[in-house]
Amino acid sequence: MTSDDVRACVADLPRSYEVFVRGRWKFRVKQIVYIAFSKDETLMGFAFPKEERQMLVETYPEKFMYPRESDMRFNWVVARLDKLSPREMEELVFDAWRMVVPQRVAAEVMASAADGSPRRVSSGPAAPRGGRRGARTTARPAP
């Protein structure tokens, strides 16, 4: 997988846009970053529930790694793009996006997805956005 494959997957997700910050490409919904590439675009950081992070990294250490120490407080994990299958990448990207958009927006996209699409059958529940309307999640904030 490459960063261009990820861009193609994200292209039609509502409210998502790409930015270039400090030499790195990132995808945001409003000001919340849900995908960020390393400068050489071989690693992809993405929103992922903190509660499940250890299990993911320890189960698949060849594919996933912990974020840097300063990012451990966020719902964030890092993947080696060359180790991901297309389906796996699509599921991770879609679930990361689901963590930062309103639930009704995610539900609309899921309802309109084709059968068998990663957008219809996701790998698991996205973490809830939280309490009050417009509240920030603990996904990695934009710098």
Protein backbone atom coordinates (compact mmCIF):
# COMPACT_ATOMS: atom_id res chain seq x y z
CA MET A 1 0.00 0.00 0.00
CA THR A 2 1.08 3.57 -0.61
CA SER A 3 -0.09 6.97 0.54
CA ASP A 4 -1.78 7.38 -2.87
CA ASP A 5 -3.89 4.28 -2.15
CA VAL A 6 -4.97 5.88 1.13
CA ARG A 7 -5.79 9.16 -0.65
CA ALA A 8 -8.01 7.29 -3.11
CA CYS A 9 -9.82 5.61 -0.21
CA VAL A 10 -10.39 8.90 1.62
CA ALA A 11 -11.30 10.97 -1.46
CA ASP A 12 -15.08 10.67 -1.13
CA LEU A 13 -15.46 10.67 2.66
CA PRO A 14 -17.69 13.57 3.74
CA ARG A 15 -16.08 16.42 5.71
CA SER A 16 -12.57 15.06 5.15
CA TYR A 17 -9.79 17.19 3.70
CA GLU A 18 -6.04 16.92 3.20
CA VAL A 19 -3.48 19.36 4.60
CA PHE A 20 0.31 19.67 4.46
CA VAL A 21 1.75 20.54 7.88
CA ARG A 22 5.44 20.67 8.78
CA GLY A 23 6.46 18.48 5.86
CA ARG A 24 3.76 15.84 6.43
CA TRP A 25 0.43 15.09 4.73
CA LYS A 26 -2.54 14.73 7.06
CA PHE A 27 -6.27 14.18 6.73
CA ARG A 28 -8.69 16.06 8.95
CA VAL A 29 -12.32 16.47 9.75
CA LYS A 30 -12.64 20.06 10.94
CA GLN A 31 -9.45 20.48 12.99
CA ILE A 32 -9.17 16.86 14.15
CA VAL A 33 -6.48 14.81 12.44
CA TYR A 34 -7.47 11.19 11.82
CA ILE A 35 -4.65 10.14 9.44
CA ALA A 36 -1.07 11.42 9.23
CA PHE A 37 1.81 10.15 7.14
CA SER A 38 5.49 10.13 8.02
CA LYS A 39 7.63 12.48 5.94
CA ASP A 40 8.74 9.60 3.70
CA GLU A 41 5.12 8.32 3.54
CA THR A 42 6.04 4.78 4.61
CA LEU A 43 4.19 5.01 7.93
CA MET A 44 0.58 6.01 8.52
CA GLY A 45 -0.62 7.17 11.91
CA PHE A 46 -4.37 6.90 12.37
CA ALA A 47 -7.11 7.34 14.96
CA PHE A 48 -7.62 4.11 16.87
CA PRO A 49 -9.13 3.42 20.31
CA LYS A 50 -6.49 3.58 23.06
CA GLU A 51 -8.16 0.66 24.84
CA GLU A 52 -7.46 -1.64 21.86
CA ARG A 53 -4.04 -0.29 20.87
CA GLN A 54 -1.89 -2.66 22.92
CA MET A 55 -3.74 -5.71 21.59
CA LEU A 56 -3.31 -4.56 17.99
CA VAL A 57 0.41 -3.78 18.29
CA GLU A 58 1.26 -6.93 20.23
CA THR A 59 -0.79 -9.18 17.93
CA TYR A 60 0.63 -7.77 14.68
CA PRO A 61 4.02 -6.19 15.52
CA GLU A 62 5.15 -6.53 11.90
CA LYS A 63 2.30 -4.23 10.78
CA PHE A 64 1.66 -1.86 13.70
CA MET A 65 3.65 0.10 16.24
CA TYR A 66 2.99 2.45 19.08
CA PRO A 67 3.05 6.17 18.35
CA ARG A 68 5.84 8.27 19.78
CA GLU A 69 5.68 8.81 23.54
CA SER A 70 4.13 12.28 23.28
CA ASP A 71 1.22 10.85 21.25
CA MET A 72 0.40 7.96 23.60
CA ARG A 73 -2.28 10.07 25.30
CA PHE A 74 -4.27 10.20 22.05
CA ASN A 75 -6.39 7.55 20.33
CA TRP A 76 -3.58 6.86 17.89
CA VAL A 77 -1.51 4.00 16.43
CA VAL A 78 0.97 3.74 13.53
CA ALA A 79 0.94 1.25 10.63
CA ARG A 80 3.65 0.24 8.17
CA LEU A 81 1.92 0.88 4.84
CA ASP A 82 3.85 -1.76 2.93
CA LYS A 83 2.58 -4.48 5.29
CA LEU A 84 -1.16 -3.70 4.92
CA SER A 85 -3.51 -5.36 2.47
CA PRO A 86 -5.89 -3.10 0.51
CA ARG A 87 -8.92 -4.33 2.48
CA GLU A 88 -7.14 -3.87 5.81
CA MET A 89 -6.08 -0.33 4.90
CA GLU A 90 -9.62 0.57 3.83
CA GLU A 91 -11.07 -0.72 7.11
CA LEU A 92 -8.51 1.12 9.25
CA VAL A 93 -8.99 4.38 7.35
CA PHE A 94 -12.77 4.17 7.46
CA ASP A 95 -12.82 3.36 11.18
CA ALA A 96 -10.42 6.25 11.88
CA TRP A 97 -12.72 8.60 9.96
CA ARG A 98 -15.76 7.25 11.85
CA MET A 99 -14.10 8.21 15.14
CA VAL A 100 -14.07 11.91 14.23
CA VAL A 101 -17.34 12.52 12.36
CA PRO A 102 -20.83 12.76 13.83
CA GLN A 103 -22.49 9.36 14.12
CA ARG A 104 -25.27 10.29 11.71
CA VAL A 105 -22.74 11.17 8.98
CA ALA A 106 -21.00 7.82 9.42
CA ALA A 107 -24.38 6.04 9.42
CA GLU A 108 -25.35 7.71 6.12
CA VAL A 109 -22.11 6.57 4.45
CA MET A 110 -22.49 3.05 5.83
CA ALA A 111 -26.11 2.84 4.67
CA SER A 112 -25.19 3.86 1.11
CA ALA A 113 -22.18 1.51 0.84
CA ALA A 114 -22.30 -1.54 -1.40
CA ASP A 115 -22.60 -5.00 0.13
CA GLY A 116 -19.18 -6.37 1.04
CA SER A 117 -17.61 -2.93 1.19
CA PRO A 118 -15.41 -2.11 4.21
CA ARG A 119 -17.71 0.88 4.63
CA ARG A 120 -20.67 -1.40 5.22
CA VAL A 121 -18.95 -4.06 7.30
CA SER A 122 -16.45 -2.34 9.50
CA SER A 123 -13.79 -4.14 11.54
CA GLY A 124 -15.35 -2.96 14.78
CA PRO A 125 -17.16 -0.16 16.51
CA ALA A 126 -15.59 3.26 16.32
CA ALA A 127 -15.08 4.97 19.63
CA PRO A 128 -17.96 7.30 20.50
CA ARG A 129 -17.39 10.99 19.88
CA GLY A 130 -18.26 11.93 23.41
CA GLY A 131 -20.65 14.16 25.26
CA ARG A 132 -21.61 17.59 24.12
CA ARG A 133 -22.14 18.57 20.53
CA GLY A 134 -18.99 19.83 18.86
CA ALA A 135 -16.74 18.46 21.59
CA ARG A 136 -13.26 17.37 20.53
CA THR A 137 -12.42 13.72 20.62
CA THR A 138 -9.14 12.39 21.92
CA ALA A 139 -8.02 11.57 18.38
CA ARG A 140 -4.80 13.35 17.54
CA PRO A 141 -5.46 17.10 17.35
CA ALA A 142 -4.06 19.23 14.58
CA PRO A 143 -0.80 20.98 15.55
